[in-house]
Amino acid sequence: MGRPVIAITGPDKGAFLPRFFVATAVRLYGGQPLQLRPGSTFTPDDYHGVVITGGHDVEPVLYAAEPEVKPNYDPERDALESAVIKSALASQKPLLGICRGAQLLNICLGGTLHQSLREQRQKTSHRWTIFPMKTLCVLRDIDGHIRQRLGPRQRKINSLHNQAINALGEDLTVSARDLDGIVQAIESPNRPYTLGVQWHPEFLLYLGCQRALFKDLVEHATRFQQRQAASQ
């Protein structure tokens, strides 16, 4: 049996650095990255785990809302990633959603988004940064993947987003927020590894707790691969 294949989704063009760093983390823990773009030819049997990367805002039509901000959407990417997420959820395939990936995961399970966070911020800056300059508050009463890897404490994270989760999707739990109470991490308690984070751990790979998110994904993908092989 070969290495577990991890699908890494993203736009048709650009986003080289986040894709590169995610692929680097996947390789570091023994996975084989597979880059998926709109128009890619693939089947769900081609991979054993998924990373939905960050990028443009999610189109609000997907959660039955009218646009509130100047649009910057990628409907082809939305369609690809929605299909990949729904397939992963149906098969219990491990999934890590990053930034818009976490938002799209929430939408696929019936949730909604804040389209602009300026009105939500009182204690935190709206400035985007790849450096860990914002505070993550891990919820102590949710004993999930975030608490197990980051600990029940405050951590520093980066921030590159204009939208965030509003109404929570079905079968999801909030496991971390920022100082303004904005959702920063969601996970499914009823699936082996279904996790969404609002920050960008691929830009924080020098921190062991951030690398652990990718390590866990590859480990769960390996188990999925083993179960798949045993059932054939």
C-alpha atoms as a PDB file:
ATOM      1  CA  MET A   1       0.000   0.000   0.000  1.00  0.00           C
ATOM      2  CA  GLY A   2       1.397   3.385  -1.031  1.00  0.00           C
ATOM      3  CA  ARG A   3       1.280   6.717   0.722  1.00  0.00           C
ATOM      4  CA  PRO A   4      -2.149   8.250   1.388  1.00  0.00           C
ATOM      5  CA  VAL A   5      -3.105  10.784  -1.278  1.00  0.00           C
ATOM      6  CA  ILE A   6      -4.272  14.176  -0.011  1.00  0.00           C
ATOM      7  CA  ALA A   7      -6.287  16.311  -2.441  1.00  0.00           C
ATOM      8  CA  ILE A   8      -5.445  20.026  -2.185  1.00  0.00           C
ATOM      9  CA  THR A   9      -8.094  22.216  -3.789  1.00  0.00           C
ATOM     10  CA  GLY A  10      -7.704  25.751  -5.035  1.00  0.00           C
ATOM     11  CA  PRO A  11      -8.364  28.223  -7.858  1.00  0.00           C
ATOM     12  CA  ASP A  12      -7.571  27.630 -11.510  1.00  0.00           C
ATOM     13  CA  LYS A  13      -4.738  30.184 -11.373  1.00  0.00           C
ATOM     14  CA  GLY A  14      -2.547  31.628  -8.645  1.00  0.00           C
ATOM     15  CA  ALA A  15      -2.379  30.740  -4.932  1.00  0.00           C
ATOM     16  CA  PHE A  16       1.025  29.132  -5.474  1.00  0.00           C
ATOM     17  CA  LEU A  17       2.400  29.778  -1.976  1.00  0.00           C
ATOM     18  CA  PRO A  18      -0.483  28.372   0.101  1.00  0.00           C
ATOM     19  CA  ARG A  19      -0.652  25.315  -2.159  1.00  0.00           C
ATOM     20  CA  PHE A  20       3.106  24.857  -1.860  1.00  0.00           C
ATOM     21  CA  PHE A  21       3.132  25.094   1.936  1.00  0.00           C
ATOM     22  CA  VAL A  22       0.146  22.756   2.318  1.00  0.00           C
ATOM     23  CA  ALA A  23       1.832  20.239  -0.020  1.00  0.00           C
ATOM     24  CA  THR A  24       5.049  20.594   1.999  1.00  0.00           C
ATOM     25  CA  ALA A  25       3.219  19.782   5.249  1.00  0.00           C
ATOM     26  CA  VAL A  26       1.479  16.812   3.613  1.00  0.00           C
ATOM     27  CA  ARG A  27       4.801  15.404   2.368  1.00  0.00           C
ATOM     28  CA  LEU A  28       6.437  16.024   5.745  1.00  0.00           C
ATOM     29  CA  TYR A  29       4.038  13.567   7.388  1.00  0.00           C
ATOM     30  CA  GLY A  30       4.114  10.936   4.671  1.00  0.00           C
ATOM     31  CA  GLY A  31       1.250  11.963   2.423  1.00  0.00           C
ATOM     32  CA  GLN A  32       1.208  12.429  -1.334  1.00  0.00           C
ATOM     33  CA  PRO A  33      -0.322  15.759  -2.441  1.00  0.00           C
ATOM     34  CA  LEU A  34      -2.744  15.900  -5.377  1.00  0.00           C
ATOM     35  CA  GLN A  35      -3.560  19.406  -6.636  1.00  0.00           C
ATOM     36  CA  LEU A  36      -7.198  19.820  -7.731  1.00  0.00           C
ATOM     37  CA  ARG A  37      -8.424  22.828  -9.714  1.00  0.00           C
ATOM     38  CA  PRO A  38     -11.687  23.644 -11.495  1.00  0.00           C
ATOM     39  CA  GLY A  39     -11.723  21.472 -14.601  1.00  0.00           C
ATOM     40  CA  SER A  40      -9.474  18.786 -13.073  1.00  0.00           C
ATOM     41  CA  THR A  41     -10.335  15.231 -14.041  1.00  0.00           C
ATOM     42  CA  PHE A  42     -10.579  13.041 -10.941  1.00  0.00           C
ATOM     43  CA  THR A  43     -12.803  10.718  -8.939  1.00  0.00           C
ATOM     44  CA  PRO A  44     -13.151  10.530  -5.140  1.00  0.00           C
ATOM     45  CA  ASP A  45     -11.304   7.189  -5.277  1.00  0.00           C
ATOM     46  CA  ASP A  46      -8.156   9.102  -6.321  1.00  0.00           C
ATOM     47  CA  TYR A  47      -7.520  10.467  -2.815  1.00  0.00           C
ATOM     48  CA  HIS A  48      -7.877   9.553   0.859  1.00  0.00           C
ATOM     49  CA  GLY A  49      -8.049  12.988   2.499  1.00  0.00           C
ATOM     50  CA  VAL A  50      -8.787  16.587   1.557  1.00  0.00           C
ATOM     51  CA  VAL A  51      -7.473  20.088   2.263  1.00  0.00           C
ATOM     52  CA  ILE A  52      -9.741  22.910   1.085  1.00  0.00           C
ATOM     53  CA  THR A  53      -7.467  25.960   0.904  1.00  0.00           C
ATOM     54  CA  GLY A  54      -8.185  29.674   1.358  1.00  0.00           C
ATOM     55  CA  GLY A  55      -8.891  32.327  -1.252  1.00  0.00           C
ATOM     56  CA  HIS A  56     -11.734  34.473  -2.599  1.00  0.00           C
ATOM     57  CA  ASP A  57     -15.017  35.019  -0.761  1.00  0.00           C
ATOM     58  CA  VAL A  58     -17.691  32.344  -1.035  1.00  0.00           C
ATOM     59  CA  GLU A  59     -20.616  33.411  -3.247  1.00  0.00           C
ATOM     60  CA  PRO A  60     -23.604  34.181  -0.949  1.00  0.00           C
ATOM     61  CA  VAL A  61     -26.097  32.523  -3.290  1.00  0.00           C
ATOM     62  CA  LEU A  62     -24.782  29.247  -1.853  1.00  0.00           C
ATOM     63  CA  TYR A  63     -26.373  30.092   1.498  1.00  0.00           C
ATOM     64  CA  ALA A  64     -29.412  31.924   0.062  1.00  0.00           C
ATOM     65  CA  ALA A  65     -28.235  35.449   0.874  1.00  0.00           C
ATOM     66  CA  GLU A  66     -27.967  38.685  -1.093  1.00  0.00           C
ATOM     67  CA  PRO A  67     -24.468  40.159  -1.650  1.00  0.00           C
ATOM     68  CA  GLU A  68     -23.625  42.806   0.951  1.00  0.00           C
ATOM     69  CA  VAL A  69     -20.119  43.676  -0.220  1.00  0.00           C
ATOM     70  CA  LYS A  70     -18.365  44.263  -3.551  1.00  0.00           C
ATOM     71  CA  PRO A  71     -18.195  40.791  -5.119  1.00  0.00           C
ATOM     72  CA  ASN A  72     -14.935  38.895  -5.450  1.00  0.00           C
ATOM     73  CA  TYR A  73     -16.223  35.398  -6.176  1.00  0.00           C
ATOM     74  CA  ASP A  74     -15.049  32.293  -8.006  1.00  0.00           C
ATOM     75  CA  PRO A  75     -18.173  30.224  -8.836  1.00  0.00           C
ATOM     76  CA  GLU A  76     -16.211  27.488 -10.651  1.00  0.00           C
ATOM     77  CA  ARG A  77     -14.061  26.956  -7.580  1.00  0.00           C
ATOM     78  CA  ASP A  78     -17.124  27.039  -5.317  1.00  0.00           C
ATOM     79  CA  ALA A  79     -18.686  24.263  -7.408  1.00  0.00           C
ATOM     80  CA  LEU A  80     -15.551  22.097  -7.338  1.00  0.00           C
ATOM     81  CA  GLU A  81     -14.949  22.448  -3.625  1.00  0.00           C
ATOM     82  CA  SER A  82     -18.608  22.015  -2.674  1.00  0.00           C
ATOM     83  CA  ALA A  83     -18.633  18.710  -4.549  1.00  0.00           C
ATOM     84  CA  VAL A  84     -15.378  17.593  -2.921  1.00  0.00           C
ATOM     85  CA  ILE A  85     -16.617  18.522   0.566  1.00  0.00           C
ATOM     86  CA  LYS A  86     -19.964  16.769   0.138  1.00  0.00           C
ATOM     87  CA  SER A  87     -18.241  13.646  -1.163  1.00  0.00           C
ATOM     88  CA  ALA A  88     -15.807  13.653   1.775  1.00  0.00           C
ATOM     89  CA  LEU A  89     -18.639  14.098   4.266  1.00  0.00           C
ATOM     90  CA  ALA A  90     -20.632  11.262   2.725  1.00  0.00           C
ATOM     91  CA  SER A  91     -17.687   8.844   2.849  1.00  0.00           C
ATOM     92  CA  GLN A  92     -16.301  10.078   6.213  1.00  0.00           C
ATOM     93  CA  LYS A  93     -13.056  10.958   4.462  1.00  0.00           C
ATOM     94  CA  PRO A  94     -10.791  13.226   6.593  1.00  0.00           C
ATOM     95  CA  LEU A  95     -11.039  16.901   5.670  1.00  0.00           C
ATOM     96  CA  LEU A  96      -9.280  20.094   6.741  1.00  0.00           C
ATOM     97  CA  GLY A  97     -10.844  23.373   5.602  1.00  0.00           C
ATOM     98  CA  ILE A  98      -8.626  26.471   5.754  1.00  0.00           C
ATOM     99  CA  CYS A  99     -10.164  29.973   5.852  1.00  0.00           C
ATOM    100  CA  ARG A 100     -12.702  29.958   2.976  1.00  0.00           C
ATOM    101  CA  GLY A 101     -12.452  26.155   3.165  1.00  0.00           C
ATOM    102  CA  ALA A 102     -13.850  26.290   6.716  1.00  0.00           C
ATOM    103  CA  GLN A 103     -16.559  28.692   5.546  1.00  0.00           C
ATOM    104  CA  LEU A 104     -17.541  26.451   2.637  1.00  0.00           C
ATOM    105  CA  LEU A 105     -17.619  23.400   4.916  1.00  0.00           C
ATOM    106  CA  ASN A 106     -20.052  25.272   7.141  1.00  0.00           C
ATOM    107  CA  ILE A 107     -22.219  26.225   4.143  1.00  0.00           C
ATOM    108  CA  CYS A 108     -22.288  22.652   2.824  1.00  0.00           C
ATOM    109  CA  LEU A 109     -23.801  21.649   6.170  1.00  0.00           C
ATOM    110  CA  GLY A 110     -26.467  24.345   6.039  1.00  0.00           C
ATOM    111  CA  GLY A 111     -24.699  27.244   7.789  1.00  0.00           C
ATOM    112  CA  THR A 112     -24.289  30.910   6.809  1.00  0.00           C
ATOM    113  CA  LEU A 113     -21.549  33.563   6.849  1.00  0.00           C
ATOM    114  CA  HIS A 114     -20.920  37.113   7.966  1.00  0.00           C
ATOM    115  CA  GLN A 115     -20.095  38.760   4.624  1.00  0.00           C
ATOM    116  CA  SER A 116     -18.101  41.565   6.243  1.00  0.00           C
ATOM    117  CA  LEU A 117     -16.471  41.491   9.669  1.00  0.00           C
ATOM    118  CA  ARG A 118     -15.827  45.190  10.209  1.00  0.00           C
ATOM    119  CA  GLU A 119     -19.047  45.591  12.189  1.00  0.00           C
ATOM    120  CA  GLN A 120     -18.219  42.495  14.271  1.00  0.00           C
ATOM    121  CA  ARG A 121     -14.832  43.719  15.448  1.00  0.00           C
ATOM    122  CA  GLN A 122     -14.446  45.652  18.690  1.00  0.00           C
ATOM    123  CA  LYS A 123     -11.243  44.245  20.198  1.00  0.00           C
ATOM    124  CA  THR A 124      -9.420  42.951  17.120  1.00  0.00           C
ATOM    125  CA  SER A 125      -7.932  44.624  14.071  1.00  0.00           C
ATOM    126  CA  HIS A 126      -9.356  44.151  10.569  1.00  0.00           C
ATOM    127  CA  ARG A 127      -5.826  44.185   9.149  1.00  0.00           C
ATOM    128  CA  TRP A 128      -4.731  41.094   7.225  1.00  0.00           C
ATOM    129  CA  THR A 129      -1.436  39.485   8.208  1.00  0.00           C
ATOM    130  CA  ILE A 130       0.316  36.153   7.664  1.00  0.00           C
ATOM    131  CA  PHE A 131       2.099  36.639  10.992  1.00  0.00           C
ATOM    132  CA  PRO A 132       0.617  35.350  14.275  1.00  0.00           C
ATOM    133  CA  MET A 133      -0.599  38.676  15.645  1.00  0.00           C
ATOM    134  CA  LYS A 134      -4.194  37.829  16.594  1.00  0.00           C
ATOM    135  CA  THR A 135      -5.431  35.884  19.585  1.00  0.00           C
ATOM    136  CA  LEU A 136      -7.133  32.498  19.362  1.00  0.00           C
ATOM    137  CA  CYS A 137      -9.217  31.412  22.344  1.00  0.00           C
ATOM    138  CA  VAL A 138      -9.538  27.622  22.430  1.00  0.00           C
ATOM    139  CA  LEU A 139     -12.768  26.616  24.148  1.00  0.00           C
ATOM    140  CA  ARG A 140     -12.051  24.557  27.257  1.00  0.00           C
ATOM    141  CA  ASP A 141     -15.310  22.585  27.249  1.00  0.00           C
ATOM    142  CA  ILE A 142     -14.908  21.166  23.708  1.00  0.00           C
ATOM    143  CA  ASP A 143     -12.523  18.211  23.838  1.00  0.00           C
ATOM    144  CA  GLY A 144     -11.908  17.964  20.111  1.00  0.00           C
ATOM    145  CA  HIS A 145      -8.982  18.105  17.691  1.00  0.00           C
ATOM    146  CA  ILE A 146      -8.243  21.805  18.307  1.00  0.00           C
ATOM    147  CA  ARG A 147      -8.053  21.446  22.074  1.00  0.00           C
ATOM    148  CA  GLN A 148      -5.989  18.251  21.818  1.00  0.00           C
ATOM    149  CA  ARG A 149      -3.404  19.881  19.519  1.00  0.00           C
ATOM    150  CA  LEU A 150      -3.392  23.517  20.624  1.00  0.00           C
ATOM    151  CA  GLY A 151      -4.368  23.030  24.265  1.00  0.00           C
ATOM    152  CA  PRO A 152      -7.108  24.789  26.281  1.00  0.00           C
ATOM    153  CA  ARG A 153      -5.383  28.165  26.163  1.00  0.00           C
ATOM    154  CA  GLN A 154      -4.882  31.273  24.084  1.00  0.00           C
ATOM    155  CA  ARG A 155      -2.672  31.037  20.995  1.00  0.00           C
ATOM    156  CA  LYS A 156      -1.468  33.533  18.427  1.00  0.00           C
ATOM    157  CA  ILE A 157      -2.742  33.094  14.876  1.00  0.00           C
ATOM    158  CA  ASN A 158      -2.714  34.964  11.589  1.00  0.00           C
ATOM    159  CA  SER A 159      -5.706  36.464   9.769  1.00  0.00           C
ATOM    160  CA  LEU A 160      -6.396  36.826   6.040  1.00  0.00           C
ATOM    161  CA  HIS A 161     -10.177  36.908   5.815  1.00  0.00           C
ATOM    162  CA  ASN A 162     -13.075  39.291   5.344  1.00  0.00           C
ATOM    163  CA  GLN A 163     -15.851  36.768   5.985  1.00  0.00           C
ATOM    164  CA  ALA A 164     -16.489  34.337   8.830  1.00  0.00           C
ATOM    165  CA  ILE A 165     -19.017  31.811  10.055  1.00  0.00           C
ATOM    166  CA  ASN A 166     -22.351  33.169  11.272  1.00  0.00           C
ATOM    167  CA  ALA A 167     -25.050  30.492  11.743  1.00  0.00           C
ATOM    168  CA  LEU A 168     -23.423  27.143  12.409  1.00  0.00           C
ATOM    169  CA  GLY A 169     -24.014  24.227  10.051  1.00  0.00           C
ATOM    170  CA  GLU A 170     -25.556  20.924  11.074  1.00  0.00           C
ATOM    171  CA  ASP A 171     -23.377  18.475  13.025  1.00  0.00           C
ATOM    172  CA  LEU A 172     -20.687  21.093  13.667  1.00  0.00           C
ATOM    173  CA  THR A 173     -19.279  22.422  16.933  1.00  0.00           C
ATOM    174  CA  VAL A 174     -17.357  25.648  17.528  1.00  0.00           C
ATOM    175  CA  SER A 175     -14.048  24.798  19.183  1.00  0.00           C
ATOM    176  CA  ALA A 176     -12.283  28.204  19.105  1.00  0.00           C
ATOM    177  CA  ARG A 177     -13.085  31.910  18.769  1.00  0.00           C
ATOM    178  CA  ASP A 178     -11.112  35.155  18.743  1.00  0.00           C
ATOM    179  CA  LEU A 179     -11.322  37.993  21.276  1.00  0.00           C
ATOM    180  CA  ASP A 180     -14.431  39.383  19.538  1.00  0.00           C
ATOM    181  CA  GLY A 181     -16.149  36.001  19.692  1.00  0.00           C
ATOM    182  CA  ILE A 182     -15.799  35.462  15.929  1.00  0.00           C
ATOM    183  CA  VAL A 183     -15.688  31.741  15.097  1.00  0.00           C
ATOM    184  CA  GLN A 184     -12.138  30.571  14.399  1.00  0.00           C
ATOM    185  CA  ALA A 185     -12.459  26.767  14.417  1.00  0.00           C
ATOM    186  CA  ILE A 186     -15.242  24.272  13.781  1.00  0.00           C
ATOM    187  CA  GLU A 187     -15.260  20.494  13.848  1.00  0.00           C
ATOM    188  CA  SER A 188     -17.659  17.584  13.593  1.00  0.00           C
ATOM    189  CA  PRO A 189     -17.814  15.464  16.758  1.00  0.00           C
ATOM    190  CA  ASN A 190     -19.452  12.601  14.837  1.00  0.00           C
ATOM    191  CA  ARG A 191     -16.802  12.144  12.132  1.00  0.00           C
ATOM    192  CA  PRO A 192     -13.195  10.921  12.517  1.00  0.00           C
ATOM    193  CA  TYR A 193     -11.556  14.146  11.239  1.00  0.00           C
ATOM    194  CA  THR A 194     -13.676  16.977   9.842  1.00  0.00           C
ATOM    195  CA  LEU A 195     -12.119  20.277  10.849  1.00  0.00           C
ATOM    196  CA  GLY A 196     -12.248  23.889   9.671  1.00  0.00           C
ATOM    197  CA  VAL A 197      -9.945  26.694  10.818  1.00  0.00           C
ATOM    198  CA  GLN A 198     -10.349  30.362   9.952  1.00  0.00           C
ATOM    199  CA  TRP A 199      -6.626  31.116  10.091  1.00  0.00           C
ATOM    200  CA  HIS A 200      -3.849  29.832   7.798  1.00  0.00           C
ATOM    201  CA  PRO A 201      -1.775  27.111   9.528  1.00  0.00           C
ATOM    202  CA  GLU A 202       0.201  26.519   6.293  1.00  0.00           C
ATOM    203  CA  PHE A 203       1.944  29.872   6.922  1.00  0.00           C
ATOM    204  CA  LEU A 204       2.756  28.844  10.524  1.00  0.00           C
ATOM    205  CA  LEU A 205       4.518  25.532   9.905  1.00  0.00           C
ATOM    206  CA  TYR A 206       7.408  26.602  12.125  1.00  0.00           C
ATOM    207  CA  LEU A 207       5.028  26.062  15.066  1.00  0.00           C
ATOM    208  CA  GLY A 208       4.601  22.435  16.081  1.00  0.00           C
ATOM    209  CA  CYS A 209       0.963  22.842  17.135  1.00  0.00           C
ATOM    210  CA  GLN A 210       0.095  24.151  13.660  1.00  0.00           C
ATOM    211  CA  ARG A 211       1.968  21.358  11.877  1.00  0.00           C
ATOM    212  CA  ALA A 212       0.007  18.900  14.022  1.00  0.00           C
ATOM    213  CA  LEU A 213      -3.189  19.771  12.143  1.00  0.00           C
ATOM    214  CA  PHE A 214      -1.659  18.380   8.942  1.00  0.00           C
ATOM    215  CA  LYS A 215      -0.073  15.449  10.791  1.00  0.00           C
ATOM    216  CA  ASP A 216      -3.494  14.447  12.115  1.00  0.00           C
ATOM    217  CA  LEU A 217      -5.025  14.759   8.654  1.00  0.00           C
ATOM    218  CA  VAL A 218      -2.431  12.449   7.082  1.00  0.00           C
ATOM    219  CA  GLU A 219      -2.768   9.936   9.925  1.00  0.00           C
ATOM    220  CA  HIS A 220      -6.551   9.819   9.516  1.00  0.00           C
ATOM    221  CA  ALA A 221      -6.146   9.546   5.734  1.00  0.00           C
ATOM    222  CA  THR A 222      -3.873   6.545   6.275  1.00  0.00           C
ATOM    223  CA  ARG A 223      -6.573   4.875   8.378  1.00  0.00           C
ATOM    224  CA  PHE A 224      -9.168   5.665   5.730  1.00  0.00           C
ATOM    225  CA  GLN A 225      -6.875   4.137   3.084  1.00  0.00           C
ATOM    226  CA  GLN A 226      -6.457   0.995   5.196  1.00  0.00           C
ATOM    227  CA  ARG A 227     -10.222   0.627   5.696  1.00  0.00           C
ATOM    228  CA  GLN A 228     -10.767   1.157   1.988  1.00  0.00           C
ATOM    229  CA  ALA A 229      -8.201  -1.509   1.100  1.00  0.00           C
ATOM    230  CA  ALA A 230      -9.678  -3.979   3.602  1.00  0.00           C
ATOM    231  CA  SER A 231     -13.165  -3.584   2.120  1.00  0.00           C
ATOM    232  CA  GLN A 232     -12.043  -4.358  -1.447  1.00  0.00           C
END
